Amino acid sequence: MVRVMKYENAHGRTPKDMNEVRANHPGYDIESTDVSGEIRYIEVKSLRGDWGRKGVKVTLTQIETGEKYQRQFWLYVVERAEVESEAKVIPIQNPVGLVDEFYYDDSWRQLIDDEAKVD
């Protein structure tokens, strides 16, 4: 959160931490306003290391918020977030609108009941 707040300030926007405004704020973490009054609704995902194949988790509430705000909704992935000198902020505008397919990884196997299993 701190890295993204600094990033927004450095880019001439005024960020507001929504978790300070209301605990458990659903759908996004930061509202950031530019000089023209345009608002970015930002969901922040921080990683200890580099952004890899495992990806970042987005909840259904965050997806719904992305559908609602579309181009005003941003996903900010922060790589190496724990080390300020190495942290990298990756902003993605309208991430929900960019998705055109979903993949179900092998963790879904656990949902298959015994009758549905075919050897």
PDB file of N, CA and C in Angstrom:
ATOM      1  N   MET A   1       0.830  -1.189   0.000  1.00  0.00           N
ATOM      2  CA  MET A   1       0.000   0.000   0.000  1.00  0.00           C
ATOM      3  C   MET A   1       0.878   1.258   0.000  1.00  0.00           C
ATOM      4  N   VAL A   2       1.898   1.245   0.828  1.00  0.00           N
ATOM      5  CA  VAL A   2       2.778   2.403   0.928  1.00  0.00           C
ATOM      6  C   VAL A   2       3.449   2.674  -0.413  1.00  0.00           C
ATOM      7  N   ARG A   3       3.899   1.621  -1.082  1.00  0.00           N
ATOM      8  CA  ARG A   3       4.573   1.786  -2.381  1.00  0.00           C
ATOM      9  C   ARG A   3       3.620   2.411  -3.412  1.00  0.00           C
ATOM     10  N   VAL A   4       2.383   1.959  -3.438  1.00  0.00           N
ATOM     11  CA  VAL A   4       1.412   2.475  -4.408  1.00  0.00           C
ATOM     12  C   VAL A   4       1.028   3.908  -4.067  1.00  0.00           C
ATOM     13  N   MET A   5       0.888   4.229  -2.808  1.00  0.00           N
ATOM     14  CA  MET A   5       0.580   5.604  -2.411  1.00  0.00           C
ATOM     15  C   MET A   5       1.704   6.537  -2.884  1.00  0.00           C
ATOM     16  N   LYS A   6       2.955   6.131  -2.705  1.00  0.00           N
ATOM     17  CA  LYS A   6       4.095   6.930  -3.164  1.00  0.00           C
ATOM     18  C   LYS A   6       4.090   7.038  -4.686  1.00  0.00           C
ATOM     19  N   TYR A   7       3.789   5.944  -5.360  1.00  0.00           N
ATOM     20  CA  TYR A   7       3.733   5.922  -6.825  1.00  0.00           C
ATOM     21  C   TYR A   7       2.692   6.921  -7.327  1.00  0.00           C
ATOM     22  N   GLU A   8       1.528   6.898  -6.731  1.00  0.00           N
ATOM     23  CA  GLU A   8       0.452   7.798  -7.139  1.00  0.00           C
ATOM     24  C   GLU A   8       0.852   9.261  -6.908  1.00  0.00           C
ATOM     25  N   ASN A   9       1.413   9.560  -5.762  1.00  0.00           N
ATOM     26  CA  ASN A   9       1.875  10.919  -5.477  1.00  0.00           C
ATOM     27  C   ASN A   9       2.923  11.371  -6.494  1.00  0.00           C
ATOM     28  N   ALA A  10       3.854  10.487  -6.818  1.00  0.00           N
ATOM     29  CA  ALA A  10       4.911  10.809  -7.771  1.00  0.00           C
ATOM     30  C   ALA A  10       4.369  11.077  -9.172  1.00  0.00           C
ATOM     31  N   HIS A  11       3.172  10.542  -9.464  1.00  0.00           N
ATOM     32  CA  HIS A  11       2.568  10.732 -10.778  1.00  0.00           C
ATOM     33  C   HIS A  11       1.464  11.801 -10.763  1.00  0.00           C
ATOM     34  N   GLY A  12       1.500  12.652  -9.736  1.00  0.00           N
ATOM     35  CA  GLY A  12       0.611  13.807  -9.691  1.00  0.00           C
ATOM     36  C   GLY A  12      -0.817  13.522  -9.278  1.00  0.00           C
ATOM     37  N   ARG A  13      -1.047  12.362  -8.687  1.00  0.00           N
ATOM     38  CA  ARG A  13      -2.386  12.031  -8.221  1.00  0.00           C
ATOM     39  C   ARG A  13      -2.419  12.054  -6.689  1.00  0.00           C
ATOM     40  N   THR A  14      -3.622  12.193  -6.143  1.00  0.00           N
ATOM     41  CA  THR A  14      -3.801  12.229  -4.698  1.00  0.00           C
ATOM     42  C   THR A  14      -4.502  10.951  -4.259  1.00  0.00           C
ATOM     43  N   PRO A  15      -3.753  10.025  -3.657  1.00  0.00           N
ATOM     44  CA  PRO A  15      -4.351   8.754  -3.238  1.00  0.00           C
ATOM     45  C   PRO A  15      -4.953   8.820  -1.841  1.00  0.00           C
ATOM     46  N   LYS A  16      -5.996   8.020  -1.648  1.00  0.00           N
ATOM     47  CA  LYS A  16      -6.634   7.896  -0.337  1.00  0.00           C
ATOM     48  C   LYS A  16      -6.751   6.405  -0.026  1.00  0.00           C
ATOM     49  N   ASP A  17      -6.177   5.991   1.106  1.00  0.00           N
ATOM     50  CA  ASP A  17      -6.237   4.599   1.549  1.00  0.00           C
ATOM     51  C   ASP A  17      -7.642   4.310   2.061  1.00  0.00           C
ATOM     52  N   MET A  18      -8.394   3.509   1.325  1.00  0.00           N
ATOM     53  CA  MET A  18      -9.781   3.241   1.685  1.00  0.00           C
ATOM     54  C   MET A  18      -9.898   2.371   2.928  1.00  0.00           C
ATOM     55  N   ASN A  19      -8.838   1.654   3.277  1.00  0.00           N
ATOM     56  CA  ASN A  19      -8.860   0.852   4.496  1.00  0.00           C
ATOM     57  C   ASN A  19      -8.842   1.748   5.733  1.00  0.00           C
ATOM     58  N   GLU A  20      -8.300   2.966   5.598  1.00  0.00           N
ATOM     59  CA  GLU A  20      -8.328   3.926   6.703  1.00  0.00           C
ATOM     60  C   GLU A  20      -9.691   4.606   6.807  1.00  0.00           C
ATOM     61  N   VAL A  21     -10.379   4.714   5.678  1.00  0.00           N
ATOM     62  CA  VAL A  21     -11.710   5.333   5.659  1.00  0.00           C
ATOM     63  C   VAL A  21     -12.745   4.385   6.245  1.00  0.00           C
ATOM     64  N   ARG A  22     -12.669   3.126   5.822  1.00  0.00           N
ATOM     65  CA  ARG A  22     -13.628   2.129   6.290  1.00  0.00           C
ATOM     66  C   ARG A  22     -12.945   0.763   6.304  1.00  0.00           C
ATOM     67  N   ALA A  23     -12.959   0.088   7.443  1.00  0.00           N
ATOM     68  CA  ALA A  23     -12.358  -1.233   7.558  1.00  0.00           C
ATOM     69  C   ALA A  23     -13.047  -2.204   6.603  1.00  0.00           C
ATOM     70  N   ASN A  24     -12.302  -3.109   6.058  1.00  0.00           N
ATOM     71  CA  ASN A  24     -12.819  -4.129   5.131  1.00  0.00           C
ATOM     72  C   ASN A  24     -13.535  -3.515   3.938  1.00  0.00           C
ATOM     73  N   HIS A  25     -12.946  -2.482   3.374  1.00  0.00           N
ATOM     74  CA  HIS A  25     -13.536  -1.844   2.195  1.00  0.00           C
ATOM     75  C   HIS A  25     -13.496  -2.839   1.036  1.00  0.00           C
ATOM     76  N   PRO A  26     -14.631  -3.193   0.474  1.00  0.00           N
ATOM     77  CA  PRO A  26     -14.654  -4.227  -0.566  1.00  0.00           C
ATOM     78  C   PRO A  26     -14.304  -3.703  -1.956  1.00  0.00           C
ATOM     79  N   GLY A  27     -13.594  -4.510  -2.701  1.00  0.00           N
ATOM     80  CA  GLY A  27     -13.414  -4.246  -4.120  1.00  0.00           C
ATOM     81  C   GLY A  27     -12.160  -3.518  -4.537  1.00  0.00           C
ATOM     82  N   TYR A  28     -11.650  -2.638  -3.702  1.00  0.00           N
ATOM     83  CA  TYR A  28     -10.409  -1.940  -4.036  1.00  0.00           C
ATOM     84  C   TYR A  28      -9.818  -1.339  -2.765  1.00  0.00           C
ATOM     85  N   ASP A  29      -8.533  -0.974  -2.841  1.00  0.00           N
ATOM     86  CA  ASP A  29      -7.808  -0.495  -1.669  1.00  0.00           C
ATOM     87  C   ASP A  29      -7.602   1.013  -1.635  1.00  0.00           C
ATOM     88  N   ILE A  30      -7.474   1.624  -2.827  1.00  0.00           N
ATOM     89  CA  ILE A  30      -7.111   3.038  -2.905  1.00  0.00           C
ATOM     90  C   ILE A  30      -8.001   3.749  -3.918  1.00  0.00           C
ATOM     91  N   GLU A  31      -8.436   4.961  -3.564  1.00  0.00           N
ATOM     92  CA  GLU A  31      -9.039   5.884  -4.525  1.00  0.00           C
ATOM     93  C   GLU A  31      -7.992   6.958  -4.776  1.00  0.00           C
ATOM     94  N   SER A  32      -7.659   7.176  -6.030  1.00  0.00           N
ATOM     95  CA  SER A  32      -6.639   8.157  -6.363  1.00  0.00           C
ATOM     96  C   SER A  32      -7.198   9.121  -7.400  1.00  0.00           C
ATOM     97  N   THR A  33      -7.093  10.404  -7.111  1.00  0.00           N
ATOM     98  CA  THR A  33      -7.691  11.434  -7.961  1.00  0.00           C
ATOM     99  C   THR A  33      -6.611  12.281  -8.612  1.00  0.00           C
ATOM    100  N   ASP A  34      -6.775  12.541  -9.928  1.00  0.00           N
ATOM    101  CA  ASP A  34      -5.831  13.424 -10.617  1.00  0.00           C
ATOM    102  C   ASP A  34      -6.352  14.856 -10.605  1.00  0.00           C
ATOM    103  N   VAL A  35      -5.594  15.784 -11.190  1.00  0.00           N
ATOM    104  CA  VAL A  35      -5.961  17.198 -11.133  1.00  0.00           C
ATOM    105  C   VAL A  35      -7.269  17.506 -11.863  1.00  0.00           C
ATOM    106  N   SER A  36      -7.643  16.663 -12.817  1.00  0.00           N
ATOM    107  CA  SER A  36      -8.905  16.888 -13.543  1.00  0.00           C
ATOM    108  C   SER A  36     -10.112  16.327 -12.795  1.00  0.00           C
ATOM    109  N   GLY A  37      -9.849  15.609 -11.682  1.00  0.00           N
ATOM    110  CA  GLY A  37     -10.928  15.027 -10.892  1.00  0.00           C
ATOM    111  C   GLY A  37     -11.232  13.576 -11.224  1.00  0.00           C
ATOM    112  N   GLU A  38     -10.510  13.015 -12.208  1.00  0.00           N
ATOM    113  CA  GLU A  38     -10.739  11.607 -12.555  1.00  0.00           C
ATOM    114  C   GLU A  38     -10.219  10.714 -11.430  1.00  0.00           C
ATOM    115  N   ILE A  39     -11.003   9.695 -11.108  1.00  0.00           N
ATOM    116  CA  ILE A  39     -10.675   8.789 -10.004  1.00  0.00           C
ATOM    117  C   ILE A  39     -10.213   7.446 -10.545  1.00  0.00           C
ATOM    118  N   ARG A  40      -9.166   6.925  -9.910  1.00  0.00           N
ATOM    119  CA  ARG A  40      -8.729   5.549 -10.135  1.00  0.00           C
ATOM    120  C   ARG A  40      -9.150   4.750  -8.904  1.00  0.00           C
ATOM    121  N   TYR A  41      -9.799   3.620  -9.143  1.00  0.00           N
ATOM    122  CA  TYR A  41     -10.123   2.677  -8.075  1.00  0.00           C
ATOM    123  C   TYR A  41      -9.080   1.582  -8.187  1.00  0.00           C
ATOM    124  N   ILE A  42      -8.189   1.511  -7.216  1.00  0.00           N
ATOM    125  CA  ILE A  42      -6.996   0.672  -7.319  1.00  0.00           C
ATOM    126  C   ILE A  42      -7.053  -0.492  -6.340  1.00  0.00           C
ATOM    127  N   GLU A  43      -6.897  -1.694  -6.873  1.00  0.00           N
ATOM    128  CA  GLU A  43      -6.709  -2.888  -6.054  1.00  0.00           C
ATOM    129  C   GLU A  43      -5.213  -3.183  -6.051  1.00  0.00           C
ATOM    130  N   VAL A  44      -4.637  -3.351  -4.866  1.00  0.00           N
ATOM    131  CA  VAL A  44      -3.198  -3.573  -4.721  1.00  0.00           C
ATOM    132  C   VAL A  44      -2.924  -5.026  -4.357  1.00  0.00           C
ATOM    133  N   LYS A  45      -1.995  -5.631  -5.091  1.00  0.00           N
ATOM    134  CA  LYS A  45      -1.517  -6.977  -4.775  1.00  0.00           C
ATOM    135  C   LYS A  45      -0.002  -6.905  -4.624  1.00  0.00           C
ATOM    136  N   SER A  46       0.501  -7.240  -3.442  1.00  0.00           N
ATOM    137  CA  SER A  46       1.930  -7.169  -3.164  1.00  0.00           C
ATOM    138  C   SER A  46       2.546  -8.556  -3.126  1.00  0.00           C
ATOM    139  N   LEU A  47       3.746  -8.637  -3.645  1.00  0.00           N
ATOM    140  CA  LEU A  47       4.480  -9.899  -3.680  1.00  0.00           C
ATOM    141  C   LEU A  47       5.851  -9.717  -3.033  1.00  0.00           C
ATOM    142  N   ARG A  48       6.321 -10.745  -2.369  1.00  0.00           N
ATOM    143  CA  ARG A  48       7.667 -10.693  -1.786  1.00  0.00           C
ATOM    144  C   ARG A  48       8.737 -10.731  -2.871  1.00  0.00           C
ATOM    145  N   GLY A  49       8.476 -11.498  -3.901  1.00  0.00           N
ATOM    146  CA  GLY A  49       9.443 -11.646  -4.986  1.00  0.00           C
ATOM    147  C   GLY A  49       8.882 -11.128  -6.288  1.00  0.00           C
ATOM    148  N   ASP A  50       9.324 -11.773  -7.381  1.00  0.00           N
ATOM    149  CA  ASP A  50       8.847 -11.385  -8.704  1.00  0.00           C
ATOM    150  C   ASP A  50       7.487 -12.000  -8.995  1.00  0.00           C
ATOM    151  N   TRP A  51       6.762 -11.362  -9.862  1.00  0.00           N
ATOM    152  CA  TRP A  51       5.454 -11.830 -10.303  1.00  0.00           C
ATOM    153  C   TRP A  51       5.685 -13.021 -11.215  1.00  0.00           C
ATOM    154  N   GLY A  52       5.288 -14.190 -10.749  1.00  0.00           N
ATOM    155  CA  GLY A  52       5.550 -15.412 -11.499  1.00  0.00           C
ATOM    156  C   GLY A  52       4.287 -16.070 -12.029  1.00  0.00           C
ATOM    157  N   ARG A  53       4.452 -17.312 -12.456  1.00  0.00           N
ATOM    158  CA  ARG A  53       3.345 -18.064 -13.061  1.00  0.00           C
ATOM    159  C   ARG A  53       2.172 -18.266 -12.118  1.00  0.00           C
ATOM    160  N   LYS A  54       2.446 -18.305 -10.821  1.00  0.00           N
ATOM    161  CA  LYS A  54       1.358 -18.495  -9.860  1.00  0.00           C
ATOM    162  C   LYS A  54       0.373 -17.323  -9.914  1.00  0.00           C
ATOM    163  N   GLY A  55       0.858 -16.133 -10.247  1.00  0.00           N
ATOM    164  CA  GLY A  55      -0.019 -14.973 -10.390  1.00  0.00           C
ATOM    165  C   GLY A  55      -0.414 -14.343  -9.074  1.00  0.00           C
ATOM    166  N   VAL A  56      -1.463 -13.559  -9.129  1.00  0.00           N
ATOM    167  CA  VAL A  56      -2.029 -12.915  -7.949  1.00  0.00           C
ATOM    168  C   VAL A  56      -3.511 -13.254  -7.894  1.00  0.00           C
ATOM    169  N   LYS A  57      -4.019 -13.359  -6.694  1.00  0.00           N
ATOM    170  CA  LYS A  57      -5.421 -13.733  -6.486  1.00  0.00           C
ATOM    171  C   LYS A  57      -6.310 -12.494  -6.521  1.00  0.00           C
ATOM    172  N   VAL A  58      -7.415 -12.591  -7.233  1.00  0.00           N
ATOM    173  CA  VAL A  58      -8.424 -11.544  -7.270  1.00  0.00           C
ATOM    174  C   VAL A  58      -9.745 -12.175  -6.843  1.00  0.00           C
ATOM    175  N   THR A  59     -10.438 -11.534  -5.924  1.00  0.00           N
ATOM    176  CA  THR A  59     -11.694 -12.078  -5.405  1.00  0.00           C
ATOM    177  C   THR A  59     -12.865 -11.752  -6.328  1.00  0.00           C
ATOM    178  N   LEU A  60     -13.973 -12.426  -6.109  1.00  0.00           N
ATOM    179  CA  LEU A  60     -15.187 -12.154  -6.869  1.00  0.00           C
ATOM    180  C   LEU A  60     -15.628 -10.701  -6.669  1.00  0.00           C
ATOM    181  N   THR A  61     -15.531 -10.199  -5.452  1.00  0.00           N
ATOM    182  CA  THR A  61     -15.894  -8.806  -5.171  1.00  0.00           C
ATOM    183  C   THR A  61     -15.019  -7.847  -5.987  1.00  0.00           C
ATOM    184  N   GLN A  62     -13.738  -8.142  -6.089  1.00  0.00           N
ATOM    185  CA  GLN A  62     -12.831  -7.293  -6.869  1.00  0.00           C
ATOM    186  C   GLN A  62     -13.154  -7.377  -8.363  1.00  0.00           C
ATOM    187  N   ILE A  63     -13.535  -8.545  -8.835  1.00  0.00           N
ATOM    188  CA  ILE A  63     -13.944  -8.693 -10.237  1.00  0.00           C
ATOM    189  C   ILE A  63     -15.211  -7.883 -10.494  1.00  0.00           C
ATOM    190  N   GLU A  64     -16.168  -7.976  -9.593  1.00  0.00           N
ATOM    191  CA  GLU A  64     -17.413  -7.210  -9.741  1.00  0.00           C
ATOM    192  C   GLU A  64     -17.142  -5.705  -9.722  1.00  0.00           C
ATOM    193  N   THR A  65     -16.221  -5.278  -8.870  1.00  0.00           N
ATOM    194  CA  THR A  65     -15.853  -3.862  -8.818  1.00  0.00           C
ATOM    195  C   THR A  65     -15.190  -3.448 -10.133  1.00  0.00           C
ATOM    196  N   GLY A  66     -14.349  -4.323 -10.675  1.00  0.00           N
ATOM    197  CA  GLY A  66     -13.725  -4.057 -11.965  1.00  0.00           C
ATOM    198  C   GLY A  66     -14.741  -3.945 -13.083  1.00  0.00           C
ATOM    199  N   GLU A  67     -15.765  -4.789 -13.045  1.00  0.00           N
ATOM    200  CA  GLU A  67     -16.845  -4.705 -14.044  1.00  0.00           C
ATOM    201  C   GLU A  67     -17.613  -3.396 -13.911  1.00  0.00           C
ATOM    202  N   LYS A  68     -17.813  -2.956 -12.682  1.00  0.00           N
ATOM    203  CA  LYS A  68     -18.566  -1.725 -12.425  1.00  0.00           C
ATOM    204  C   LYS A  68     -17.810  -0.488 -12.910  1.00  0.00           C
ATOM    205  N   TYR A  69     -16.521  -0.388 -12.566  1.00  0.00           N
ATOM    206  CA  TYR A  69     -15.754   0.821 -12.861  1.00  0.00           C
ATOM    207  C   TYR A  69     -14.960   0.750 -14.167  1.00  0.00           C
ATOM    208  N   GLN A  70     -14.807  -0.419 -14.737  1.00  0.00           N
ATOM    209  CA  GLN A  70     -14.138  -0.646 -16.011  1.00  0.00           C
ATOM    210  C   GLN A  70     -12.808   0.105 -16.127  1.00  0.00           C
ATOM    211  N   ARG A  71     -12.724   1.132 -16.989  1.00  0.00           N
ATOM    212  CA  ARG A  71     -11.457   1.817 -17.259  1.00  0.00           C
ATOM    213  C   ARG A  71     -10.954   2.621 -16.046  1.00  0.00           C
ATOM    214  N   GLN A  72     -11.803   2.854 -15.064  1.00  0.00           N
ATOM    215  CA  GLN A  72     -11.363   3.538 -13.851  1.00  0.00           C
ATOM    216  C   GLN A  72     -10.804   2.558 -12.813  1.00  0.00           C
ATOM    217  N   PHE A  73     -10.964   1.265 -13.066  1.00  0.00           N
ATOM    218  CA  PHE A  73     -10.473   0.245 -12.138  1.00  0.00           C
ATOM    219  C   PHE A  73      -9.072  -0.173 -12.565  1.00  0.00           C
ATOM    220  N   TRP A  74      -8.176  -0.209 -11.604  1.00  0.00           N
ATOM    221  CA  TRP A  74      -6.780  -0.561 -11.866  1.00  0.00           C
ATOM    222  C   TRP A  74      -6.332  -1.654 -10.897  1.00  0.00           C
ATOM    223  N   LEU A  75      -5.514  -2.559 -11.406  1.00  0.00           N
ATOM    224  CA  LEU A  75      -4.819  -3.549 -10.581  1.00  0.00           C
ATOM    225  C   LEU A  75      -3.358  -3.130 -10.556  1.00  0.00           C
ATOM    226  N   TYR A  76      -2.828  -2.910  -9.354  1.00  0.00           N
ATOM    227  CA  TYR A  76      -1.420  -2.575  -9.194  1.00  0.00           C
ATOM    228  C   TYR A  76      -0.745  -3.776  -8.528  1.00  0.00           C
ATOM    229  N   VAL A  77       0.155  -4.391  -9.242  1.00  0.00           N
ATOM    230  CA  VAL A  77       0.942  -5.494  -8.686  1.00  0.00           C
ATOM    231  C   VAL A  77       2.285  -4.907  -8.265  1.00  0.00           C
ATOM    232  N   VAL A  78       2.655  -5.148  -7.017  1.00  0.00           N
ATOM    233  CA  VAL A  78       3.922  -4.633  -6.499  1.00  0.00           C
ATOM    234  C   VAL A  78       4.867  -5.805  -6.278  1.00  0.00           C
ATOM    235  N   GLU A  79       5.891  -5.881  -7.108  1.00  0.00           N
ATOM    236  CA  GLU A  79       6.906  -6.924  -6.966  1.00  0.00           C
ATOM    237  C   GLU A  79       7.936  -6.494  -5.923  1.00  0.00           C
ATOM    238  N   ARG A  80       8.507  -7.483  -5.237  1.00  0.00           N
ATOM    239  CA  ARG A  80       9.558  -7.242  -4.241  1.00  0.00           C
ATOM    240  C   ARG A  80       9.158  -6.110  -3.285  1.00  0.00           C
ATOM    241  N   ALA A  81       7.928  -6.170  -2.827  1.00  0.00           N
ATOM    242  CA  ALA A  81       7.325  -5.086  -2.042  1.00  0.00           C
ATOM    243  C   ALA A  81       8.013  -4.825  -0.707  1.00  0.00           C
ATOM    244  N   GLU A  82       8.691  -5.812  -0.164  1.00  0.00           N
ATOM    245  CA  GLU A  82       9.279  -5.649   1.165  1.00  0.00           C
ATOM    246  C   GLU A  82      10.590  -4.881   1.178  1.00  0.00           C
ATOM    247  N   VAL A  83      11.193  -4.672   0.003  1.00  0.00           N
ATOM    248  CA  VAL A  83      12.467  -3.962  -0.082  1.00  0.00           C
ATOM    249  C   VAL A  83      12.257  -2.710  -0.936  1.00  0.00           C
ATOM    250  N   GLU A  84      12.217  -1.559  -0.293  1.00  0.00           N
ATOM    251  CA  GLU A  84      11.862  -0.316  -0.985  1.00  0.00           C
ATOM    252  C   GLU A  84      12.732  -0.056  -2.205  1.00  0.00           C
ATOM    253  N   SER A  85      14.018  -0.298  -2.106  1.00  0.00           N
ATOM    254  CA  SER A  85      14.919  -0.007  -3.221  1.00  0.00           C
ATOM    255  C   SER A  85      14.714  -0.952  -4.400  1.00  0.00           C
ATOM    256  N   GLU A  86      14.058  -2.092  -4.170  1.00  0.00           N
ATOM    257  CA  GLU A  86      13.835  -3.071  -5.239  1.00  0.00           C
ATOM    258  C   GLU A  86      12.378  -3.153  -5.692  1.00  0.00           C
ATOM    259  N   ALA A  87      11.473  -2.504  -4.984  1.00  0.00           N
ATOM    260  CA  ALA A  87      10.045  -2.606  -5.284  1.00  0.00           C
ATOM    261  C   ALA A  87       9.741  -2.051  -6.669  1.00  0.00           C
ATOM    262  N   LYS A  88       8.836  -2.736  -7.359  1.00  0.00           N
ATOM    263  CA  LYS A  88       8.415  -2.308  -8.689  1.00  0.00           C
ATOM    264  C   LYS A  88       6.896  -2.346  -8.741  1.00  0.00           C
ATOM    265  N   VAL A  89       6.278  -1.218  -9.108  1.00  0.00           N
ATOM    266  CA  VAL A  89       4.830  -1.120  -9.218  1.00  0.00           C
ATOM    267  C   VAL A  89       4.445  -1.326 -10.679  1.00  0.00           C
ATOM    268  N   ILE A  90       3.535  -2.281 -10.913  1.00  0.00           N
ATOM    269  CA  ILE A  90       3.061  -2.579 -12.260  1.00  0.00           C
ATOM    270  C   ILE A  90       1.562  -2.269 -12.309  1.00  0.00           C
ATOM    271  N   PRO A  91       1.178  -1.130 -12.914  1.00  0.00           N
ATOM    272  CA  PRO A  91      -0.237  -0.758 -12.992  1.00  0.00           C
ATOM    273  C   PRO A  91      -0.903  -1.320 -14.250  1.00  0.00           C
ATOM    274  N   ILE A  92      -2.091  -1.892 -14.078  1.00  0.00           N
ATOM    275  CA  ILE A  92      -2.846  -2.445 -15.203  1.00  0.00           C
ATOM    276  C   ILE A  92      -4.249  -1.844 -15.174  1.00  0.00           C
ATOM    277  N   GLN A  93      -4.582  -1.116 -16.222  1.00  0.00           N
ATOM    278  CA  GLN A  93      -5.898  -0.491 -16.321  1.00  0.00           C
ATOM    279  C   GLN A  93      -6.920  -1.490 -16.831  1.00  0.00           C
ATOM    280  N   ASN A  94      -8.089  -1.504 -16.207  1.00  0.00           N
ATOM    281  CA  ASN A  94      -9.222  -2.342 -16.611  1.00  0.00           C
ATOM    282  C   ASN A  94      -8.834  -3.814 -16.759  1.00  0.00           C
ATOM    283  N   PRO A  95      -8.234  -4.408 -15.735  1.00  0.00           N
ATOM    284  CA  PRO A  95      -7.798  -5.802 -15.861  1.00  0.00           C
ATOM    285  C   PRO A  95      -8.943  -6.777 -16.108  1.00  0.00           C
ATOM    286  N   VAL A  96     -10.106  -6.499 -15.567  1.00  0.00           N
ATOM    287  CA  VAL A  96     -11.257  -7.389 -15.771  1.00  0.00           C
ATOM    288  C   VAL A  96     -11.694  -7.336 -17.227  1.00  0.00           C
ATOM    289  N   GLY A  97     -11.686  -6.160 -17.811  1.00  0.00           N
ATOM    290  CA  GLY A  97     -12.066  -6.009 -19.211  1.00  0.00           C
ATOM    291  C   GLY A  97     -11.081  -6.636 -20.169  1.00  0.00           C
ATOM    292  N   LEU A  98      -9.849  -6.839 -19.732  1.00  0.00           N
ATOM    293  CA  LEU A  98      -8.822  -7.440 -20.585  1.00  0.00           C
ATOM    294  C   LEU A  98      -8.900  -8.965 -20.626  1.00  0.00           C
ATOM    295  N   VAL A  99      -9.601  -9.549 -19.666  1.00  0.00           N
ATOM    296  CA  VAL A  99      -9.689 -11.011 -19.579  1.00  0.00           C
ATOM    297  C   VAL A  99     -10.734 -11.520 -20.566  1.00  0.00           C
ATOM    298  N   ASP A 100     -10.326 -12.467 -21.408  1.00  0.00           N
ATOM    299  CA  ASP A 100     -11.295 -13.046 -22.340  1.00  0.00           C
ATOM    300  C   ASP A 100     -11.437 -14.556 -22.178  1.00  0.00           C
ATOM    301  N   GLU A 101     -10.701 -15.105 -21.230  1.00  0.00           N
ATOM    302  CA  GLU A 101     -10.872 -16.527 -20.910  1.00  0.00           C
ATOM    303  C   GLU A 101     -10.287 -16.811 -19.536  1.00  0.00           C
ATOM    304  N   PHE A 102     -10.731 -17.908 -18.945  1.00  0.00           N
ATOM    305  CA  PHE A 102     -10.254 -18.335 -17.637  1.00  0.00           C
ATOM    306  C   PHE A 102      -9.713 -19.750 -17.755  1.00  0.00           C
ATOM    307  N   TYR A 103      -8.765 -20.076 -16.886  1.00  0.00           N
ATOM    308  CA  TYR A 103      -8.218 -21.423 -16.834  1.00  0.00           C
ATOM    309  C   TYR A 103      -8.481 -22.005 -15.454  1.00  0.00           C
ATOM    310  N   TYR A 104      -8.784 -23.273 -15.428  1.00  0.00           N
ATOM    311  CA  TYR A 104      -8.944 -23.984 -14.173  1.00  0.00           C
ATOM    312  C   TYR A 104      -7.718 -24.853 -14.002  1.00  0.00           C
ATOM    313  N   ASP A 105      -6.921 -24.555 -12.982  1.00  0.00           N
ATOM    314  CA  ASP A 105      -5.709 -25.338 -12.758  1.00  0.00           C
ATOM    315  C   ASP A 105      -6.051 -26.645 -12.043  1.00  0.00           C
ATOM    316  N   ASP A 106      -5.017 -27.432 -11.765  1.00  0.00           N
ATOM    317  CA  ASP A 106      -5.256 -28.759 -11.198  1.00  0.00           C
ATOM    318  C   ASP A 106      -5.795 -28.737  -9.768  1.00  0.00           C
ATOM    319  N   SER A 107      -5.837 -27.575  -9.124  1.00  0.00           N
ATOM    320  CA  SER A 107      -6.419 -27.517  -7.775  1.00  0.00           C
ATOM    321  C   SER A 107      -7.922 -27.803  -7.806  1.00  0.00           C
ATOM    322  N   TRP A 108      -8.533 -27.696  -8.983  1.00  0.00           N
ATOM    323  CA  TRP A 108      -9.959 -27.981  -9.122  1.00  0.00           C
ATOM    324  C   TRP A 108     -10.257 -29.471  -9.005  1.00  0.00           C
ATOM    325  N   ARG A 109      -9.256 -30.306  -9.123  1.00  0.00           N
ATOM    326  CA  ARG A 109      -9.457 -31.767  -9.016  1.00  0.00           C
ATOM    327  C   ARG A 109     -10.115 -32.155  -7.703  1.00  0.00           C
ATOM    328  N   GLN A 110      -9.816 -31.434  -6.661  1.00  0.00           N
ATOM    329  CA  GLN A 110     -10.358 -31.765  -5.345  1.00  0.00           C
ATOM    330  C   GLN A 110     -11.873 -31.641  -5.292  1.00  0.00           C
ATOM    331  N   LEU A 111     -12.475 -30.958  -6.244  1.00  0.00           N
ATOM    332  CA  LEU A 111     -13.922 -30.780  -6.268  1.00  0.00           C
ATOM    333  C   LEU A 111     -14.665 -31.938  -6.935  1.00  0.00           C
ATOM    334  N   ILE A 112     -13.933 -32.797  -7.577  1.00  0.00           N
ATOM    335  CA  ILE A 112     -14.554 -33.919  -8.278  1.00  0.00           C
ATOM    336  C   ILE A 112     -14.948 -34.985  -7.263  1.00  0.00           C
ATOM    337  N   ASP A 113     -16.204 -35.384  -7.291  1.00  0.00           N
ATOM    338  CA  ASP A 113     -16.620 -36.443  -6.369  1.00  0.00           C
ATOM    339  C   ASP A 113     -16.189 -37.797  -6.941  1.00  0.00           C
ATOM    340  N   ASP A 114     -16.236 -38.827  -6.120  1.00  0.00           N
ATOM    341  CA  ASP A 114     -15.755 -40.153  -6.510  1.00  0.00           C
ATOM    342  C   ASP A 114     -16.512 -40.721  -7.694  1.00  0.00           C
ATOM    343  N   GLU A 115     -17.793 -40.453  -7.832  1.00  0.00           N
ATOM    344  CA  GLU A 115     -18.584 -40.988  -8.937  1.00  0.00           C
ATOM    345  C   GLU A 115     -18.180 -40.371 -10.276  1.00  0.00           C
ATOM    346  N   ALA A 116     -17.688 -39.142 -10.244  1.00  0.00           N
ATOM    347  CA  ALA A 116     -17.341 -38.460 -11.487  1.00  0.00           C
ATOM    348  C   ALA A 116     -15.955 -38.839 -11.985  1.00  0.00           C
ATOM    349  N   LYS A 117     -15.145 -39.467 -11.122  1.00  0.00           N
ATOM    350  CA  LYS A 117     -13.786 -39.831 -11.521  1.00  0.00           C
ATOM    351  C   LYS A 117     -13.811 -40.974 -12.523  1.00  0.00           C
ATOM    352  N   VAL A 118     -13.047 -40.820 -13.561  1.00  0.00           N
ATOM    353  CA  VAL A 118     -12.935 -41.862 -14.589  1.00  0.00           C
ATOM    354  C   VAL A 118     -11.467 -42.236 -14.664  1.00  0.00           C
ATOM    355  N   ASP A 119     -11.214 -43.535 -14.602  1.00  0.00           N
ATOM    356  CA  ASP A 119      -9.814 -43.992 -14.671  1.00  0.00           C
ATOM    357  C   ASP A 119      -9.348 -44.139 -16.086  1.00  0.00           C
TER     358      ASP A 119
END
